[in-house]
Amino acid sequence: MATRHPHRGRPRLLHSALEARVLAELAVLPWTLPALSLAAPRGDGHPVLLLPGFMGSEFSLIGLERFLRHRGYAVETWGLGRNVGFNPRHATALEQKIRHMAHRAGRPVSLVGWSLGGVFSVYGAHQAPECVRQVITLGSPVSVDAGGSASPPLVKAMYRLIAHPHGPTAHTMQPRAKKLRERAPLAVPVSCLYSLSDGVVPPQEATVEGDPARHENIRVPGSHLGLGFNPVVLWIVADRLAQPDGQWRPFVPHGAWGQAYRLLTHRVLPV
């Protein structure tokens, strides 16, 4: 079984404070792009839909978008402006967007969601599984317990201020989010990327339980705010998307980047 990470409670205060390291992660990306372009596999041109995190807009996805376009995918962003929470209007529009993209391309769509965008991705895959090839989430709270989110108080306060006065629970209690609350297993492959040093979404919420034949949790180094620009994340996303349709297999690090990945996640960084 794919299992959730055993962490309990909120992200460590140190990790939340270190989210500012996103600036360093942004600075590193241009220097790693040449090697990344050589290591990351090219795609088959199938459609890929990118979804931003809470308060993120299409601009926040520019790193992922340009990289995946360069890998040969037909990339689109959700086209709904800034992500201001899991609300009915965006949920309905997302399902329509997925169906339209799949119909136009004549093949299913891969969904890549960052943070709250990953929750939208899971919702879209539940609503239109026949139109979805796979789901990849980046630090997304896809497994929130009955007691509510363990994100830092500041994050919850922002959600209450911008999205709903009762916080994220108000949106996840909507009838249309029933499958998310019940954690109904997705019928399509799902890869959940998470970081132990994520200062926003704790690892137990960013991982899932399920059949290892189509569900996996992949640990990555880095901050929450830098996931969409993280070279290791981009390499893994490209690896996952490059699998032939209907032939999904769990992630296995390989090559020089695989060796660096093992070093960063299992030797240098704490368990």
C-alpha atoms as a PDB file:
ATOM      1  CA  MET A   1       0.000   0.000   0.000  1.00  0.00           C
ATOM      2  CA  ALA A   2       0.997   3.586  -0.615  1.00  0.00           C
ATOM      3  CA  THR A   3       0.884   5.120   2.867  1.00  0.00           C
ATOM      4  CA  ARG A   4       0.655   8.618   4.277  1.00  0.00           C
ATOM      5  CA  HIS A   5       3.670  10.069   6.007  1.00  0.00           C
ATOM      6  CA  PRO A   6       3.515   9.473   9.801  1.00  0.00           C
ATOM      7  CA  HIS A   7       4.204  13.104  10.743  1.00  0.00           C
ATOM      8  CA  ARG A   8       1.703  14.641  13.176  1.00  0.00           C
ATOM      9  CA  GLY A   9       0.659  18.236  13.772  1.00  0.00           C
ATOM     10  CA  ARG A  10       1.748  21.428  12.065  1.00  0.00           C
ATOM     11  CA  PRO A  11       4.893  22.007  10.024  1.00  0.00           C
ATOM     12  CA  ARG A  12       7.863  22.840  12.189  1.00  0.00           C
ATOM     13  CA  LEU A  13       8.185  26.531  12.997  1.00  0.00           C
ATOM     14  CA  LEU A  14      11.717  26.517  11.572  1.00  0.00           C
ATOM     15  CA  HIS A  15      10.460  25.195   8.247  1.00  0.00           C
ATOM     16  CA  SER A  16       7.747  27.860   8.071  1.00  0.00           C
ATOM     17  CA  ALA A  17      10.346  30.532   8.796  1.00  0.00           C
ATOM     18  CA  LEU A  18      12.608  29.127   6.086  1.00  0.00           C
ATOM     19  CA  GLU A  19       9.996  29.455   3.323  1.00  0.00           C
ATOM     20  CA  ALA A  20      11.933  32.569   2.294  1.00  0.00           C
ATOM     21  CA  ARG A  21      14.495  30.186   0.792  1.00  0.00           C
ATOM     22  CA  VAL A  22      12.265  30.163  -2.267  1.00  0.00           C
ATOM     23  CA  LEU A  23      14.356  33.120  -3.468  1.00  0.00           C
ATOM     24  CA  ALA A  24      17.473  30.950  -3.473  1.00  0.00           C
ATOM     25  CA  GLU A  25      15.589  28.146  -5.240  1.00  0.00           C
ATOM     26  CA  LEU A  26      14.476  30.588  -7.939  1.00  0.00           C
ATOM     27  CA  ALA A  27      18.061  31.739  -8.394  1.00  0.00           C
ATOM     28  CA  VAL A  28      19.348  28.166  -8.784  1.00  0.00           C
ATOM     29  CA  LEU A  29      16.893  27.088 -11.496  1.00  0.00           C
ATOM     30  CA  PRO A  30      18.488  28.919 -14.488  1.00  0.00           C
ATOM     31  CA  TRP A  31      21.847  27.341 -13.672  1.00  0.00           C
ATOM     32  CA  THR A  32      20.409  23.829 -13.590  1.00  0.00           C
ATOM     33  CA  LEU A  33      18.212  24.093 -16.700  1.00  0.00           C
ATOM     34  CA  PRO A  34      20.867  22.908 -19.210  1.00  0.00           C
ATOM     35  CA  ALA A  35      21.519  19.705 -17.245  1.00  0.00           C
ATOM     36  CA  LEU A  36      17.815  19.300 -16.509  1.00  0.00           C
ATOM     37  CA  SER A  37      16.941  19.579 -20.202  1.00  0.00           C
ATOM     38  CA  LEU A  38      19.374  16.753 -20.966  1.00  0.00           C
ATOM     39  CA  ALA A  39      18.153  14.514 -18.131  1.00  0.00           C
ATOM     40  CA  ALA A  40      14.383  14.990 -18.333  1.00  0.00           C
ATOM     41  CA  PRO A  41      12.593  12.815 -20.912  1.00  0.00           C
ATOM     42  CA  ARG A  42      10.610  14.372 -23.717  1.00  0.00           C
ATOM     43  CA  GLY A  43       6.874  13.869 -23.832  1.00  0.00           C
ATOM     44  CA  ASP A  44       4.380  12.558 -26.358  1.00  0.00           C
ATOM     45  CA  GLY A  45       2.528  15.845 -26.824  1.00  0.00           C
ATOM     46  CA  HIS A  46      -0.525  14.964 -24.744  1.00  0.00           C
ATOM     47  CA  PRO A  47      -2.420  17.803 -23.013  1.00  0.00           C
ATOM     48  CA  VAL A  48      -1.308  18.903 -19.547  1.00  0.00           C
ATOM     49  CA  LEU A  49      -3.361  21.228 -17.341  1.00  0.00           C
ATOM     50  CA  LEU A  50      -1.557  23.216 -14.620  1.00  0.00           C
ATOM     51  CA  LEU A  51      -3.399  24.504 -11.554  1.00  0.00           C
ATOM     52  CA  PRO A  52      -2.000  27.169  -9.188  1.00  0.00           C
ATOM     53  CA  GLY A  53      -1.924  27.161  -5.413  1.00  0.00           C
ATOM     54  CA  PHE A  54      -3.943  29.326  -3.051  1.00  0.00           C
ATOM     55  CA  MET A  55      -3.610  33.000  -4.065  1.00  0.00           C
ATOM     56  CA  GLY A  56      -1.491  31.940  -7.017  1.00  0.00           C
ATOM     57  CA  SER A  57      -2.265  33.010 -10.571  1.00  0.00           C
ATOM     58  CA  GLU A  58      -1.217  31.646 -13.957  1.00  0.00           C
ATOM     59  CA  PHE A  59       1.992  33.665 -13.608  1.00  0.00           C
ATOM     60  CA  SER A  60       3.085  31.508 -10.658  1.00  0.00           C
ATOM     61  CA  LEU A  61       3.102  28.516 -13.024  1.00  0.00           C
ATOM     62  CA  ILE A  62       5.464  30.064 -15.566  1.00  0.00           C
ATOM     63  CA  GLY A  63       8.387  27.815 -14.611  1.00  0.00           C
ATOM     64  CA  LEU A  64       6.388  24.611 -14.949  1.00  0.00           C
ATOM     65  CA  GLU A  65       4.598  25.836 -18.057  1.00  0.00           C
ATOM     66  CA  ARG A  66       7.711  26.778 -20.021  1.00  0.00           C
ATOM     67  CA  PHE A  67       9.635  23.700 -18.975  1.00  0.00           C
ATOM     68  CA  LEU A  68       6.840  21.291 -19.920  1.00  0.00           C
ATOM     69  CA  ARG A  69       6.194  23.078 -23.209  1.00  0.00           C
ATOM     70  CA  HIS A  70       9.880  22.640 -23.991  1.00  0.00           C
ATOM     71  CA  ARG A  71       9.479  18.921 -23.206  1.00  0.00           C
ATOM     72  CA  GLY A  72       6.821  18.726 -25.934  1.00  0.00           C
ATOM     73  CA  TYR A  73       3.514  18.822 -24.048  1.00  0.00           C
ATOM     74  CA  ALA A  74       0.378  20.776 -24.968  1.00  0.00           C
ATOM     75  CA  VAL A  75       0.333  22.798 -21.749  1.00  0.00           C
ATOM     76  CA  GLU A  76      -2.493  25.003 -20.542  1.00  0.00           C
ATOM     77  CA  THR A  77      -3.223  26.754 -17.257  1.00  0.00           C
ATOM     78  CA  TRP A  78      -6.669  26.733 -15.726  1.00  0.00           C
ATOM     79  CA  GLY A  79      -7.638  30.203 -17.038  1.00  0.00           C
ATOM     80  CA  LEU A  80      -9.601  31.174 -13.921  1.00  0.00           C
ATOM     81  CA  GLY A  81      -7.288  33.865 -12.629  1.00  0.00           C
ATOM     82  CA  ARG A  82      -6.090  33.826  -9.038  1.00  0.00           C
ATOM     83  CA  ASN A  83      -6.941  30.764  -6.955  1.00  0.00           C
ATOM     84  CA  VAL A  84      -9.013  32.191  -4.109  1.00  0.00           C
ATOM     85  CA  GLY A  85     -10.159  28.915  -2.569  1.00  0.00           C
ATOM     86  CA  PHE A  86     -12.111  25.777  -3.345  1.00  0.00           C
ATOM     87  CA  ASN A  87     -15.413  27.315  -4.454  1.00  0.00           C
ATOM     88  CA  PRO A  88     -18.299  26.020  -6.616  1.00  0.00           C
ATOM     89  CA  ARG A  89     -17.670  28.367  -9.547  1.00  0.00           C
ATOM     90  CA  HIS A  90     -14.057  27.297 -10.004  1.00  0.00           C
ATOM     91  CA  ALA A  91     -14.864  23.626  -9.395  1.00  0.00           C
ATOM     92  CA  THR A  92     -17.539  23.617 -12.110  1.00  0.00           C
ATOM     93  CA  ALA A  93     -15.362  25.543 -14.572  1.00  0.00           C
ATOM     94  CA  LEU A  94     -12.459  23.159 -13.963  1.00  0.00           C
ATOM     95  CA  GLU A  95     -14.503  20.081 -14.837  1.00  0.00           C
ATOM     96  CA  GLN A  96     -15.682  21.773 -18.038  1.00  0.00           C
ATOM     97  CA  LYS A  97     -12.110  22.737 -18.898  1.00  0.00           C
ATOM     98  CA  ILE A  98     -10.854  19.167 -18.451  1.00  0.00           C
ATOM     99  CA  ARG A  99     -13.627  17.741 -20.616  1.00  0.00           C
ATOM    100  CA  HIS A 100     -13.061  20.366 -23.314  1.00  0.00           C
ATOM    101  CA  MET A 101      -9.305  19.774 -23.439  1.00  0.00           C
ATOM    102  CA  ALA A 102      -9.728  15.989 -23.649  1.00  0.00           C
ATOM    103  CA  HIS A 103     -12.384  16.286 -26.390  1.00  0.00           C
ATOM    104  CA  ARG A 104     -10.300  18.707 -28.431  1.00  0.00           C
ATOM    105  CA  ALA A 105      -7.116  16.617 -28.170  1.00  0.00           C
ATOM    106  CA  GLY A 106      -8.851  13.261 -28.531  1.00  0.00           C
ATOM    107  CA  ARG A 107      -6.834  11.945 -25.588  1.00  0.00           C
ATOM    108  CA  PRO A 108      -6.948  12.262 -21.786  1.00  0.00           C
ATOM    109  CA  VAL A 109      -5.386  15.149 -19.874  1.00  0.00           C
ATOM    110  CA  SER A 110      -2.689  15.011 -17.202  1.00  0.00           C
ATOM    111  CA  LEU A 111      -3.365  17.316 -14.238  1.00  0.00           C
ATOM    112  CA  VAL A 112      -0.530  18.965 -12.315  1.00  0.00           C
ATOM    113  CA  GLY A 113      -1.655  20.929  -9.260  1.00  0.00           C
ATOM    114  CA  TRP A 114       0.491  22.947  -6.876  1.00  0.00           C
ATOM    115  CA  SER A 115      -0.747  23.202  -3.254  1.00  0.00           C
ATOM    116  CA  LEU A 116      -4.504  23.930  -3.355  1.00  0.00           C
ATOM    117  CA  GLY A 117      -4.317  23.394  -7.106  1.00  0.00           C
ATOM    118  CA  GLY A 118      -3.647  19.738  -6.338  1.00  0.00           C
ATOM    119  CA  VAL A 119      -6.935  19.539  -4.434  1.00  0.00           C
ATOM    120  CA  PHE A 120      -8.679  20.901  -7.530  1.00  0.00           C
ATOM    121  CA  SER A 121      -6.816  18.296  -9.609  1.00  0.00           C
ATOM    122  CA  VAL A 122      -8.056  15.445  -7.422  1.00  0.00           C
ATOM    123  CA  TYR A 123     -11.595  16.850  -7.602  1.00  0.00           C
ATOM    124  CA  GLY A 124     -11.399  17.103 -11.404  1.00  0.00           C
ATOM    125  CA  ALA A 125     -10.160  13.509 -11.673  1.00  0.00           C
ATOM    126  CA  HIS A 126     -13.076  12.314  -9.540  1.00  0.00           C
ATOM    127  CA  GLN A 127     -15.580  14.208 -11.682  1.00  0.00           C
ATOM    128  CA  ALA A 128     -14.213  13.289 -15.104  1.00  0.00           C
ATOM    129  CA  PRO A 129     -12.002  10.179 -14.726  1.00  0.00           C
ATOM    130  CA  GLU A 130     -12.498   9.164 -18.347  1.00  0.00           C
ATOM    131  CA  CYS A 131     -10.853  12.457 -19.391  1.00  0.00           C
ATOM    132  CA  VAL A 132      -7.862  12.290 -17.026  1.00  0.00           C
ATOM    133  CA  ARG A 133      -4.614  10.428 -17.724  1.00  0.00           C
ATOM    134  CA  GLN A 134      -2.959  11.009 -14.348  1.00  0.00           C
ATOM    135  CA  VAL A 135      -2.756  13.452 -11.440  1.00  0.00           C
ATOM    136  CA  ILE A 136       0.431  14.963 -10.002  1.00  0.00           C
ATOM    137  CA  THR A 137       0.193  17.054  -6.850  1.00  0.00           C
ATOM    138  CA  LEU A 138       2.914  19.317  -5.455  1.00  0.00           C
ATOM    139  CA  GLY A 139       2.667  19.851  -1.702  1.00  0.00           C
ATOM    140  CA  SER A 140      -1.124  19.603  -1.818  1.00  0.00           C
ATOM    141  CA  PRO A 141      -3.385  19.072   1.240  1.00  0.00           C
ATOM    142  CA  VAL A 142      -5.129  16.038  -0.243  1.00  0.00           C
ATOM    143  CA  SER A 143      -5.500  14.036   3.000  1.00  0.00           C
ATOM    144  CA  VAL A 144      -6.802  16.432   5.649  1.00  0.00           C
ATOM    145  CA  ASP A 145      -8.006  14.608   8.787  1.00  0.00           C
ATOM    146  CA  ALA A 146     -11.452  15.018  10.355  1.00  0.00           C
ATOM    147  CA  GLY A 147     -10.008  17.465  12.898  1.00  0.00           C
ATOM    148  CA  GLY A 148      -9.157  19.913  10.132  1.00  0.00           C
ATOM    149  CA  SER A 149      -6.018  21.192   8.486  1.00  0.00           C
ATOM    150  CA  ALA A 150      -2.745  21.324  10.429  1.00  0.00           C
ATOM    151  CA  SER A 151      -1.381  24.186   8.337  1.00  0.00           C
ATOM    152  CA  PRO A 152       0.131  27.128  10.259  1.00  0.00           C
ATOM    153  CA  PRO A 153      -2.325  29.615  11.851  1.00  0.00           C
ATOM    154  CA  LEU A 154      -1.217  32.367   9.456  1.00  0.00           C
ATOM    155  CA  VAL A 155      -2.181  30.262   6.443  1.00  0.00           C
ATOM    156  CA  LYS A 156      -5.597  29.509   7.937  1.00  0.00           C
ATOM    157  CA  ALA A 157      -6.117  33.185   8.763  1.00  0.00           C
ATOM    158  CA  MET A 158      -5.353  34.144   5.152  1.00  0.00           C
ATOM    159  CA  TYR A 159      -7.845  31.573   3.892  1.00  0.00           C
ATOM    160  CA  ARG A 160     -10.546  32.909   6.225  1.00  0.00           C
ATOM    161  CA  LEU A 161      -9.832  36.483   5.149  1.00  0.00           C
ATOM    162  CA  ILE A 162      -9.762  35.842   1.406  1.00  0.00           C
ATOM    163  CA  ALA A 163     -11.776  32.693   0.686  1.00  0.00           C
ATOM    164  CA  HIS A 164     -14.325  32.026   3.447  1.00  0.00           C
ATOM    165  CA  PRO A 165     -14.762  33.288   7.035  1.00  0.00           C
ATOM    166  CA  HIS A 166     -15.088  29.706   8.303  1.00  0.00           C
ATOM    167  CA  GLY A 167     -11.822  28.638   6.729  1.00  0.00           C
ATOM    168  CA  PRO A 168     -11.039  25.737   4.373  1.00  0.00           C
ATOM    169  CA  THR A 169     -13.421  23.389   6.206  1.00  0.00           C
ATOM    170  CA  ALA A 170     -16.395  25.366   4.860  1.00  0.00           C
ATOM    171  CA  HIS A 171     -15.403  24.598   1.290  1.00  0.00           C
ATOM    172  CA  THR A 172     -14.460  20.961   1.824  1.00  0.00           C
ATOM    173  CA  MET A 173     -17.855  20.353   3.463  1.00  0.00           C
ATOM    174  CA  GLN A 174     -19.660  21.227   0.245  1.00  0.00           C
ATOM    175  CA  PRO A 175     -21.669  18.335  -1.264  1.00  0.00           C
ATOM    176  CA  ARG A 176     -19.505  18.469  -4.400  1.00  0.00           C
ATOM    177  CA  ALA A 177     -16.408  17.813  -2.256  1.00  0.00           C
ATOM    178  CA  LYS A 178     -17.846  14.650  -0.684  1.00  0.00           C
ATOM    179  CA  LYS A 179     -15.361  12.328  -2.404  1.00  0.00           C
ATOM    180  CA  LEU A 180     -12.493  14.468  -1.180  1.00  0.00           C
ATOM    181  CA  ARG A 181     -13.734  14.226   2.414  1.00  0.00           C
ATOM    182  CA  GLU A 182     -14.184  10.477   2.139  1.00  0.00           C
ATOM    183  CA  ARG A 183     -10.772  10.111   0.489  1.00  0.00           C
ATOM    184  CA  ALA A 184     -12.347   7.954  -2.192  1.00  0.00           C
ATOM    185  CA  PRO A 185      -9.465   6.389  -4.159  1.00  0.00           C
ATOM    186  CA  LEU A 186      -8.868   7.839  -7.583  1.00  0.00           C
ATOM    187  CA  ALA A 187      -9.396   5.590 -10.579  1.00  0.00           C
ATOM    188  CA  VAL A 188      -6.404   7.189 -12.320  1.00  0.00           C
ATOM    189  CA  PRO A 189      -2.701   7.164 -11.346  1.00  0.00           C
ATOM    190  CA  VAL A 190      -1.732   9.805  -8.792  1.00  0.00           C
ATOM    191  CA  SER A 191       1.737  10.955  -7.725  1.00  0.00           C
ATOM    192  CA  CYS A 192       1.922  13.121  -4.601  1.00  0.00           C
ATOM    193  CA  LEU A 193       5.168  15.067  -4.254  1.00  0.00           C
ATOM    194  CA  TYR A 194       5.863  16.300  -0.716  1.00  0.00           C
ATOM    195  CA  SER A 195       8.692  17.867   1.267  1.00  0.00           C
ATOM    196  CA  LEU A 196       9.547  17.213   4.896  1.00  0.00           C
ATOM    197  CA  SER A 197      10.686  20.830   5.146  1.00  0.00           C
ATOM    198  CA  ASP A 198       7.431  22.209   3.718  1.00  0.00           C
ATOM    199  CA  GLY A 199       6.488  25.126   5.946  1.00  0.00           C
ATOM    200  CA  VAL A 200       2.869  25.354   4.765  1.00  0.00           C
ATOM    201  CA  VAL A 201       1.396  21.857   4.221  1.00  0.00           C
ATOM    202  CA  PRO A 202       2.582  19.101   6.598  1.00  0.00           C
ATOM    203  CA  PRO A 203       3.683  15.816   4.992  1.00  0.00           C
ATOM    204  CA  GLN A 204       0.811  13.742   6.416  1.00  0.00           C
ATOM    205  CA  GLU A 205      -1.636  15.963   4.495  1.00  0.00           C
ATOM    206  CA  ALA A 206       0.394  16.013   1.273  1.00  0.00           C
ATOM    207  CA  THR A 207       0.513  12.211   0.967  1.00  0.00           C
ATOM    208  CA  VAL A 208      -2.135   9.576   0.245  1.00  0.00           C
ATOM    209  CA  GLU A 209      -2.967   5.977   0.973  1.00  0.00           C
ATOM    210  CA  GLY A 210      -3.867   3.677  -1.870  1.00  0.00           C
ATOM    211  CA  ASP A 211      -3.011   0.902  -4.272  1.00  0.00           C
ATOM    212  CA  PRO A 212       0.709   1.100  -5.158  1.00  0.00           C
ATOM    213  CA  ALA A 213      -0.206   0.039  -8.687  1.00  0.00           C
ATOM    214  CA  ARG A 214      -1.540   3.574  -9.233  1.00  0.00           C
ATOM    215  CA  HIS A 215      -0.834   5.677  -6.122  1.00  0.00           C
ATOM    216  CA  GLU A 216       2.538   6.913  -4.882  1.00  0.00           C
ATOM    217  CA  ASN A 217       4.119   9.485  -2.577  1.00  0.00           C
ATOM    218  CA  ILE A 218       7.448  10.976  -3.669  1.00  0.00           C
ATOM    219  CA  ARG A 219       9.593  12.896  -1.232  1.00  0.00           C
ATOM    220  CA  VAL A 220      11.425  15.944  -2.592  1.00  0.00           C
ATOM    221  CA  PRO A 221      13.747  18.537  -1.034  1.00  0.00           C
ATOM    222  CA  GLY A 222      12.804  22.204  -0.819  1.00  0.00           C
ATOM    223  CA  SER A 223      10.249  24.737   0.322  1.00  0.00           C
ATOM    224  CA  HIS A 224       6.513  24.819  -0.326  1.00  0.00           C
ATOM    225  CA  LEU A 225       6.651  28.146  -2.151  1.00  0.00           C
ATOM    226  CA  GLY A 226       9.452  26.919  -4.410  1.00  0.00           C
ATOM    227  CA  LEU A 227       7.961  23.614  -5.571  1.00  0.00           C
ATOM    228  CA  GLY A 228       6.973  24.947  -8.979  1.00  0.00           C
ATOM    229  CA  PHE A 229      10.552  26.118  -9.633  1.00  0.00           C
ATOM    230  CA  ASN A 230      12.409  23.265  -7.947  1.00  0.00           C
ATOM    231  CA  PRO A 231      14.697  21.453 -10.469  1.00  0.00           C
ATOM    232  CA  VAL A 232      14.212  18.098  -8.726  1.00  0.00           C
ATOM    233  CA  VAL A 233      10.431  18.550  -8.847  1.00  0.00           C
ATOM    234  CA  LEU A 234      10.536  19.492 -12.535  1.00  0.00           C
ATOM    235  CA  TRP A 235      12.628  16.401 -13.296  1.00  0.00           C
ATOM    236  CA  ILE A 236      10.189  14.113 -11.443  1.00  0.00           C
ATOM    237  CA  VAL A 237       7.133  15.711 -13.073  1.00  0.00           C
ATOM    238  CA  ALA A 238       8.703  15.186 -16.506  1.00  0.00           C
ATOM    239  CA  ASP A 239       9.483  11.565 -15.612  1.00  0.00           C
ATOM    240  CA  ARG A 240       5.902  10.920 -14.522  1.00  0.00           C
ATOM    241  CA  LEU A 241       4.336  12.597 -17.550  1.00  0.00           C
ATOM    242  CA  ALA A 242       6.574  10.737 -20.023  1.00  0.00           C
ATOM    243  CA  GLN A 243       5.134   7.313 -19.187  1.00  0.00           C
ATOM    244  CA  PRO A 244       3.086   5.782 -22.014  1.00  0.00           C
ATOM    245  CA  ASP A 245      -0.651   6.049 -21.549  1.00  0.00           C
ATOM    246  CA  GLY A 246      -1.953   2.993 -19.710  1.00  0.00           C
ATOM    247  CA  GLN A 247       1.550   1.859 -18.675  1.00  0.00           C
ATOM    248  CA  TRP A 248       2.004   3.810 -15.427  1.00  0.00           C
ATOM    249  CA  ARG A 249       4.697   2.559 -13.053  1.00  0.00           C
ATOM    250  CA  PRO A 250       5.874   3.895  -9.671  1.00  0.00           C
ATOM    251  CA  PHE A 251       8.760   6.359  -9.673  1.00  0.00           C
ATOM    252  CA  VAL A 252      12.263   4.848  -9.678  1.00  0.00           C
ATOM    253  CA  PRO A 253      15.173   7.351  -9.528  1.00  0.00           C
ATOM    254  CA  HIS A 254      17.728   6.692 -12.244  1.00  0.00           C
ATOM    255  CA  GLY A 255      20.862   8.127 -13.749  1.00  0.00           C
ATOM    256  CA  ALA A 256      22.965  10.960 -12.328  1.00  0.00           C
ATOM    257  CA  TRP A 257      19.869  12.902 -11.303  1.00  0.00           C
ATOM    258  CA  GLY A 258      18.599   9.800  -9.518  1.00  0.00           C
ATOM    259  CA  GLN A 259      21.821   9.567  -7.547  1.00  0.00           C
ATOM    260  CA  ALA A 260      21.584  13.253  -6.613  1.00  0.00           C
ATOM    261  CA  TYR A 261      17.945  12.759  -5.663  1.00  0.00           C
ATOM    262  CA  ARG A 262      18.780   9.891  -3.291  1.00  0.00           C
ATOM    263  CA  LEU A 263      21.577  11.914  -1.744  1.00  0.00           C
ATOM    264  CA  LEU A 264      19.391  14.967  -1.140  1.00  0.00           C
ATOM    265  CA  THR A 265      16.324  13.165   0.175  1.00  0.00           C
ATOM    266  CA  HIS A 266      17.683  10.171   2.043  1.00  0.00           C
ATOM    267  CA  ARG A 267      21.198  11.037   3.218  1.00  0.00           C
ATOM    268  CA  VAL A 268      21.641  14.787   3.626  1.00  0.00           C
ATOM    269  CA  LEU A 269      18.156  15.740   4.784  1.00  0.00           C
ATOM    270  CA  PRO A 270      16.612  14.381   8.017  1.00  0.00           C
ATOM    271  CA  VAL A 271      14.105  11.530   7.949  1.00  0.00           C
END
